[in-house]
Amino acid sequence: MGIKNKPSLAQKKFLSYGLKKPDGKLSMFDRHGQEFSRDTVKSCIDHGWAKKRYRQPIGSSWLVCELTKTGRDALNE
């Protein structure tokens, strides 16, 4: 049984950061210090590949997330 929707290259780059951490926390920035697109992050959440880690302070636009089991499976396909 395969994953219906496969992550795009941008989504894979974002999600792959969670593989490197035991708690699956996803980085908001790539290896060049550039913030990942909010659309990329939100689409990963919408697909169930990532989930919000905790509630952000008022006024913060960052979505701190962690990789889900579904996200790990999508990366491993």
PDB file of N, CA and C in Angstrom:
ATOM      1  N   MET A   1       0.850  -1.186   0.000  1.00  0.00           N
ATOM      2  CA  MET A   1       0.000   0.000   0.000  1.00  0.00           C
ATOM      3  C   MET A   1       0.889   1.241   0.000  1.00  0.00           C
ATOM      4  N   GLY A   2       0.846   2.048  -1.047  1.00  0.00           N
ATOM      5  CA  GLY A   2       1.710   3.211  -1.170  1.00  0.00           C
ATOM      6  C   GLY A   2       1.052   4.495  -0.713  1.00  0.00           C
ATOM      7  N   ILE A   3       1.858   5.499  -0.608  1.00  0.00           N
ATOM      8  CA  ILE A   3       1.389   6.829  -0.259  1.00  0.00           C
ATOM      9  C   ILE A   3       0.728   7.420  -1.497  1.00  0.00           C
ATOM     10  N   LYS A   4      -0.506   7.932  -1.349  1.00  0.00           N
ATOM     11  CA  LYS A   4      -1.223   8.503  -2.500  1.00  0.00           C
ATOM     12  C   LYS A   4      -0.525   9.740  -3.038  1.00  0.00           C
ATOM     13  N   ASN A   5      -0.264  10.688  -2.162  1.00  0.00           N
ATOM     14  CA  ASN A   5       0.397  11.930  -2.566  1.00  0.00           C
ATOM     15  C   ASN A   5       1.833  11.886  -2.085  1.00  0.00           C
ATOM     16  N   LYS A   6       2.746  12.027  -3.009  1.00  0.00           N
ATOM     17  CA  LYS A   6       4.155  12.026  -2.637  1.00  0.00           C
ATOM     18  C   LYS A   6       4.627  13.468  -2.455  1.00  0.00           C
ATOM     19  N   PRO A   7       5.529  13.680  -1.499  1.00  0.00           N
ATOM     20  CA  PRO A   7       6.038  15.036  -1.280  1.00  0.00           C
ATOM     21  C   PRO A   7       6.833  15.552  -2.475  1.00  0.00           C
ATOM     22  N   SER A   8       6.689  16.841  -2.727  1.00  0.00           N
ATOM     23  CA  SER A   8       7.485  17.508  -3.758  1.00  0.00           C
ATOM     24  C   SER A   8       8.911  17.646  -3.238  1.00  0.00           C
ATOM     25  N   LEU A   9       9.803  18.115  -4.076  1.00  0.00           N
ATOM     26  CA  LEU A   9      11.193  18.314  -3.669  1.00  0.00           C
ATOM     27  C   LEU A   9      11.285  19.283  -2.485  1.00  0.00           C
ATOM     28  N   ALA A  10      10.556  20.388  -2.545  1.00  0.00           N
ATOM     29  CA  ALA A  10      10.578  21.374  -1.451  1.00  0.00           C
ATOM     30  C   ALA A  10      10.033  20.762  -0.158  1.00  0.00           C
ATOM     31  N   GLN A  11       8.973  19.972  -0.276  1.00  0.00           N
ATOM     32  CA  GLN A  11       8.401  19.326   0.901  1.00  0.00           C
ATOM     33  C   GLN A  11       9.376  18.299   1.475  1.00  0.00           C
ATOM     34  N   LYS A  12      10.033  17.551   0.610  1.00  0.00           N
ATOM     35  CA  LYS A  12      11.020  16.564   1.069  1.00  0.00           C
ATOM     36  C   LYS A  12      12.162  17.246   1.821  1.00  0.00           C
ATOM     37  N   LYS A  13      12.624  18.374   1.304  1.00  0.00           N
ATOM     38  CA  LYS A  13      13.715  19.105   1.969  1.00  0.00           C
ATOM     39  C   LYS A  13      13.284  19.521   3.371  1.00  0.00           C
ATOM     40  N   PHE A  14      12.077  20.047   3.488  1.00  0.00           N
ATOM     41  CA  PHE A  14      11.561  20.474   4.792  1.00  0.00           C
ATOM     42  C   PHE A  14      11.419  19.275   5.732  1.00  0.00           C
ATOM     43  N   LEU A  15      10.765  18.228   5.263  1.00  0.00           N
ATOM     44  CA  LEU A  15      10.487  17.064   6.103  1.00  0.00           C
ATOM     45  C   LEU A  15      11.751  16.314   6.514  1.00  0.00           C
ATOM     46  N   SER A  16      12.747  16.318   5.662  1.00  0.00           N
ATOM     47  CA  SER A  16      13.964  15.541   5.945  1.00  0.00           C
ATOM     48  C   SER A  16      14.685  16.012   7.205  1.00  0.00           C
ATOM     49  N   TYR A  17      14.480  17.258   7.606  1.00  0.00           N
ATOM     50  CA  TYR A  17      15.114  17.746   8.819  1.00  0.00           C
ATOM     51  C   TYR A  17      14.616  16.988  10.046  1.00  0.00           C
ATOM     52  N   GLY A  18      13.400  16.481  10.003  1.00  0.00           N
ATOM     53  CA  GLY A  18      12.855  15.729  11.124  1.00  0.00           C
ATOM     54  C   GLY A  18      13.478  14.357  11.281  1.00  0.00           C
ATOM     55  N   LEU A  19      14.067  13.832  10.212  1.00  0.00           N
ATOM     56  CA  LEU A  19      14.713  12.523  10.281  1.00  0.00           C
ATOM     57  C   LEU A  19      15.997  12.579  11.106  1.00  0.00           C
ATOM     58  N   LYS A  20      16.588  13.752  11.169  1.00  0.00           N
ATOM     59  CA  LYS A  20      17.876  13.917  11.840  1.00  0.00           C
ATOM     60  C   LYS A  20      17.738  14.122  13.355  1.00  0.00           C
ATOM     61  N   LYS A  21      16.521  14.312  13.827  1.00  0.00           N
ATOM     62  CA  LYS A  21      16.308  14.598  15.244  1.00  0.00           C
ATOM     63  C   LYS A  21      15.462  13.492  15.871  1.00  0.00           C
ATOM     64  N   PRO A  22      15.839  13.020  17.057  1.00  0.00           N
ATOM     65  CA  PRO A  22      15.087  11.931  17.685  1.00  0.00           C
ATOM     66  C   PRO A  22      13.625  12.300  17.976  1.00  0.00           C
ATOM     67  N   ASP A  23      13.376  13.581  18.240  1.00  0.00           N
ATOM     68  CA  ASP A  23      11.997  14.003  18.530  1.00  0.00           C
ATOM     69  C   ASP A  23      11.237  14.428  17.274  1.00  0.00           C
ATOM     70  N   GLY A  24      11.906  14.397  16.108  1.00  0.00           N
ATOM     71  CA  GLY A  24      11.254  14.719  14.840  1.00  0.00           C
ATOM     72  C   GLY A  24      11.007  16.196  14.602  1.00  0.00           C
ATOM     73  N   LYS A  25      11.586  17.071  15.429  1.00  0.00           N
ATOM     74  CA  LYS A  25      11.361  18.513  15.262  1.00  0.00           C
ATOM     75  C   LYS A  25      11.870  18.971  13.899  1.00  0.00           C
ATOM     76  N   LEU A  26      11.048  19.753  13.231  1.00  0.00           N
ATOM     77  CA  LEU A  26      11.386  20.266  11.901  1.00  0.00           C
ATOM     78  C   LEU A  26      11.948  21.678  12.010  1.00  0.00           C
ATOM     79  N   SER A  27      12.992  21.934  11.268  1.00  0.00           N
ATOM     80  CA  SER A  27      13.621  23.247  11.257  1.00  0.00           C
ATOM     81  C   SER A  27      12.800  24.210  10.409  1.00  0.00           C
ATOM     82  N   MET A  28      12.763  25.456  10.818  1.00  0.00           N
ATOM     83  CA  MET A  28      12.079  26.481  10.034  1.00  0.00           C
ATOM     84  C   MET A  28      12.990  27.035   8.941  1.00  0.00           C
ATOM     85  N   PHE A  29      14.285  26.670   8.998  1.00  0.00           N
ATOM     86  CA  PHE A  29      15.265  27.214   8.076  1.00  0.00           C
ATOM     87  C   PHE A  29      16.052  26.093   7.402  1.00  0.00           C
ATOM     88  N   ASP A  30      16.386  26.303   6.138  1.00  0.00           N
ATOM     89  CA  ASP A  30      17.179  25.305   5.418  1.00  0.00           C
ATOM     90  C   ASP A  30      18.656  25.473   5.781  1.00  0.00           C
ATOM     91  N   ARG A  31      19.499  24.663   5.159  1.00  0.00           N
ATOM     92  CA  ARG A  31      20.918  24.684   5.510  1.00  0.00           C
ATOM     93  C   ARG A  31      21.618  25.980   5.104  1.00  0.00           C
ATOM     94  N   HIS A  32      20.958  26.808   4.296  1.00  0.00           N
ATOM     95  CA  HIS A  32      21.512  28.097   3.888  1.00  0.00           C
ATOM     96  C   HIS A  32      20.943  29.245   4.722  1.00  0.00           C
ATOM     97  N   GLY A  33      20.128  28.908   5.719  1.00  0.00           N
ATOM     98  CA  GLY A  33      19.548  29.924   6.587  1.00  0.00           C
ATOM     99  C   GLY A  33      18.290  30.573   6.042  1.00  0.00           C
ATOM    100  N   GLN A  34      17.769  30.044   4.937  1.00  0.00           N
ATOM    101  CA  GLN A  34      16.555  30.595   4.341  1.00  0.00           C
ATOM    102  C   GLN A  34      15.335  29.927   4.976  1.00  0.00           C
ATOM    103  N   GLU A  35      14.347  30.736   5.331  1.00  0.00           N
ATOM    104  CA  GLU A  35      13.131  30.186   5.936  1.00  0.00           C
ATOM    105  C   GLU A  35      12.349  29.388   4.893  1.00  0.00           C
ATOM    106  N   PHE A  36      11.841  28.223   5.297  1.00  0.00           N
ATOM    107  CA  PHE A  36      11.007  27.443   4.399  1.00  0.00           C
ATOM    108  C   PHE A  36       9.709  28.197   4.143  1.00  0.00           C
ATOM    109  N   SER A  37       9.194  28.061   2.947  1.00  0.00           N
ATOM    110  CA  SER A  37       7.954  28.710   2.561  1.00  0.00           C
ATOM    111  C   SER A  37       6.811  28.272   3.473  1.00  0.00           C
ATOM    112  N   ARG A  38       6.016  29.247   3.887  1.00  0.00           N
ATOM    113  CA  ARG A  38       4.838  28.949   4.716  1.00  0.00           C
ATOM    114  C   ARG A  38       3.904  27.997   3.969  1.00  0.00           C
ATOM    115  N   ASP A  39       3.794  28.166   2.654  1.00  0.00           N
ATOM    116  CA  ASP A  39       2.951  27.272   1.851  1.00  0.00           C
ATOM    117  C   ASP A  39       3.462  25.834   1.910  1.00  0.00           C
ATOM    118  N   THR A  40       4.772  25.670   1.871  1.00  0.00           N
ATOM    119  CA  THR A  40       5.361  24.327   1.962  1.00  0.00           C
ATOM    120  C   THR A  40       5.038  23.705   3.312  1.00  0.00           C
ATOM    121  N   VAL A  41       5.232  24.469   4.376  1.00  0.00           N
ATOM    122  CA  VAL A  41       4.971  23.968   5.727  1.00  0.00           C
ATOM    123  C   VAL A  41       3.496  23.611   5.879  1.00  0.00           C
ATOM    124  N   LYS A  42       2.609  24.515   5.470  1.00  0.00           N
ATOM    125  CA  LYS A  42       1.169  24.268   5.605  1.00  0.00           C
ATOM    126  C   LYS A  42       0.729  23.068   4.777  1.00  0.00           C
ATOM    127  N   SER A  43       1.286  22.895   3.588  1.00  0.00           N
ATOM    128  CA  SER A  43       0.890  21.758   2.761  1.00  0.00           C
ATOM    129  C   SER A  43       1.334  20.443   3.407  1.00  0.00           C
ATOM    130  N   CYS A  44       2.476  20.447   4.075  1.00  0.00           N
ATOM    131  CA  CYS A  44       2.930  19.246   4.785  1.00  0.00           C
ATOM    132  C   CYS A  44       2.000  18.927   5.957  1.00  0.00           C
ATOM    133  N   ILE A  45       1.537  19.948   6.632  1.00  0.00           N
ATOM    134  CA  ILE A  45       0.564  19.750   7.713  1.00  0.00           C
ATOM    135  C   ILE A  45      -0.744  19.208   7.135  1.00  0.00           C
ATOM    136  N   ASP A  46      -1.201  19.806   6.048  1.00  0.00           N
ATOM    137  CA  ASP A  46      -2.462  19.382   5.422  1.00  0.00           C
ATOM    138  C   ASP A  46      -2.430  17.926   4.963  1.00  0.00           C
ATOM    139  N   HIS A  47      -1.258  17.454   4.527  1.00  0.00           N
ATOM    140  CA  HIS A  47      -1.118  16.061   4.087  1.00  0.00           C
ATOM    141  C   HIS A  47      -0.920  15.098   5.260  1.00  0.00           C
ATOM    142  N   GLY A  48      -0.723  15.643   6.454  1.00  0.00           N
ATOM    143  CA  GLY A  48      -0.487  14.795   7.626  1.00  0.00           C
ATOM    144  C   GLY A  48       0.956  14.363   7.786  1.00  0.00           C
ATOM    145  N   TRP A  49       1.862  14.949   7.013  1.00  0.00           N
ATOM    146  CA  TRP A  49       3.278  14.605   7.083  1.00  0.00           C
ATOM    147  C   TRP A  49       3.975  15.321   8.234  1.00  0.00           C
ATOM    148  N   ALA A  50       3.402  16.415   8.671  1.00  0.00           N
ATOM    149  CA  ALA A  50       3.934  17.199   9.788  1.00  0.00           C
ATOM    150  C   ALA A  50       2.754  17.634  10.643  1.00  0.00           C
ATOM    151  N   LYS A  51       3.051  17.942  11.904  1.00  0.00           N
ATOM    152  CA  LYS A  51       2.001  18.490  12.775  1.00  0.00           C
ATOM    153  C   LYS A  51       2.590  19.628  13.589  1.00  0.00           C
ATOM    154  N   LYS A  52       1.725  20.550  13.976  1.00  0.00           N
ATOM    155  CA  LYS A  52       2.184  21.666  14.794  1.00  0.00           C
ATOM    156  C   LYS A  52       2.687  21.117  16.113  1.00  0.00           C
ATOM    157  N   ARG A  53       3.809  21.616  16.532  1.00  0.00           N
ATOM    158  CA  ARG A  53       4.455  21.121  17.747  1.00  0.00           C
ATOM    159  C   ARG A  53       3.858  21.744  18.999  1.00  0.00           C
ATOM    160  N   TYR A  54       3.618  23.031  18.965  1.00  0.00           N
ATOM    161  CA  TYR A  54       3.007  23.721  20.092  1.00  0.00           C
ATOM    162  C   TYR A  54       2.459  25.052  19.627  1.00  0.00           C
ATOM    163  N   ARG A  55       1.654  25.637  20.462  1.00  0.00           N
ATOM    164  CA  ARG A  55       1.020  26.915  20.128  1.00  0.00           C
ATOM    165  C   ARG A  55       2.055  28.038  20.142  1.00  0.00           C
ATOM    166  N   GLN A  56       1.994  28.866  19.146  1.00  0.00           N
ATOM    167  CA  GLN A  56       2.925  29.987  19.022  1.00  0.00           C
ATOM    168  C   GLN A  56       2.414  31.204  19.787  1.00  0.00           C
ATOM    169  N   PRO A  57       3.333  32.046  20.252  1.00  0.00           N
ATOM    170  CA  PRO A  57       2.916  33.292  20.914  1.00  0.00           C
ATOM    171  C   PRO A  57       2.116  34.172  19.943  1.00  0.00           C
ATOM    172  N   ILE A  58       1.280  35.006  20.483  1.00  0.00           N
ATOM    173  CA  ILE A  58       0.467  35.915  19.670  1.00  0.00           C
ATOM    174  C   ILE A  58       1.387  36.749  18.785  1.00  0.00           C
ATOM    175  N   GLY A  59       1.033  36.853  17.528  1.00  0.00           N
ATOM    176  CA  GLY A  59       1.788  37.655  16.582  1.00  0.00           C
ATOM    177  C   GLY A  59       2.899  36.902  15.871  1.00  0.00           C
ATOM    178  N   SER A  60       3.201  35.696  16.308  1.00  0.00           N
ATOM    179  CA  SER A  60       4.259  34.938  15.652  1.00  0.00           C
ATOM    180  C   SER A  60       3.706  34.249  14.413  1.00  0.00           C
ATOM    181  N   SER A  61       4.428  34.344  13.313  1.00  0.00           N
ATOM    182  CA  SER A  61       3.975  33.710  12.070  1.00  0.00           C
ATOM    183  C   SER A  61       4.630  32.355  11.857  1.00  0.00           C
ATOM    184  N   TRP A  62       5.533  31.968  12.741  1.00  0.00           N
ATOM    185  CA  TRP A  62       6.230  30.696  12.583  1.00  0.00           C
ATOM    186  C   TRP A  62       5.326  29.531  12.953  1.00  0.00           C
ATOM    187  N   LEU A  63       5.465  28.457  12.200  1.00  0.00           N
ATOM    188  CA  LEU A  63       4.770  27.212  12.500  1.00  0.00           C
ATOM    189  C   LEU A  63       5.830  26.193  12.896  1.00  0.00           C
ATOM    190  N   VAL A  64       6.020  25.999  14.187  1.00  0.00           N
ATOM    191  CA  VAL A  64       7.001  25.021  14.649  1.00  0.00           C
ATOM    192  C   VAL A  64       6.327  23.661  14.597  1.00  0.00           C
ATOM    193  N   CYS A  65       6.946  22.741  13.859  1.00  0.00           N
ATOM    194  CA  CYS A  65       6.312  21.451  13.584  1.00  0.00           C
ATOM    195  C   CYS A  65       7.236  20.292  13.889  1.00  0.00           C
ATOM    196  N   GLU A  66       6.631  19.106  13.862  1.00  0.00           N
ATOM    197  CA  GLU A  66       7.411  17.880  13.960  1.00  0.00           C
ATOM    198  C   GLU A  66       6.926  16.897  12.905  1.00  0.00           C
ATOM    199  N   LEU A  67       7.817  16.027  12.528  1.00  0.00           N
ATOM    200  CA  LEU A  67       7.544  15.012  11.521  1.00  0.00           C
ATOM    201  C   LEU A  67       6.624  13.944  12.117  1.00  0.00           C
ATOM    202  N   THR A  68       5.630  13.517  11.351  1.00  0.00           N
ATOM    203  CA  THR A  68       4.728  12.455  11.787  1.00  0.00           C
ATOM    204  C   THR A  68       5.183  11.120  11.205  1.00  0.00           C
ATOM    205  N   LYS A  69       4.583  10.043  11.669  1.00  0.00           N
ATOM    206  CA  LYS A  69       4.885   8.726  11.118  1.00  0.00           C
ATOM    207  C   LYS A  69       4.516   8.696   9.634  1.00  0.00           C
ATOM    208  N   THR A  70       3.404   9.314   9.268  1.00  0.00           N
ATOM    209  CA  THR A  70       3.001   9.394   7.876  1.00  0.00           C
ATOM    210  C   THR A  70       4.053  10.124   7.050  1.00  0.00           C
ATOM    211  N   GLY A  71       4.631  11.171   7.630  1.00  0.00           N
ATOM    212  CA  GLY A  71       5.695  11.904   6.954  1.00  0.00           C
ATOM    213  C   GLY A  71       6.936  11.052   6.755  1.00  0.00           C
ATOM    214  N   ARG A  72       7.301  10.283   7.782  1.00  0.00           N
ATOM    215  CA  ARG A  72       8.452   9.373   7.661  1.00  0.00           C
ATOM    216  C   ARG A  72       8.209   8.352   6.558  1.00  0.00           C
ATOM    217  N   ASP A  73       6.991   7.814   6.548  1.00  0.00           N
ATOM    218  CA  ASP A  73       6.640   6.826   5.515  1.00  0.00           C
ATOM    219  C   ASP A  73       6.720   7.444   4.123  1.00  0.00           C
ATOM    220  N   ALA A  74       6.230   8.681   3.979  1.00  0.00           N
ATOM    221  CA  ALA A  74       6.250   9.356   2.683  1.00  0.00           C
ATOM    222  C   ALA A  74       7.689   9.576   2.194  1.00  0.00           C
ATOM    223  N   LEU A  75       8.594   9.884   3.113  1.00  0.00           N
ATOM    224  CA  LEU A  75       9.999  10.094   2.748  1.00  0.00           C
ATOM    225  C   LEU A  75      10.695   8.792   2.399  1.00  0.00           C
ATOM    226  N   ASN A  76      10.251   7.712   3.001  1.00  0.00           N
ATOM    227  CA  ASN A  76      10.902   6.415   2.788  1.00  0.00           C
ATOM    228  C   ASN A  76      10.370   5.673   1.565  1.00  0.00           C
ATOM    229  N   GLU A  77       9.361   6.205   0.896  1.00  0.00           N
ATOM    230  CA  GLU A  77       8.808   5.537  -0.287  1.00  0.00           C
ATOM    231  C   GLU A  77       9.592   5.835  -1.517  1.00  0.00           C
TER     232      GLU A  77
END
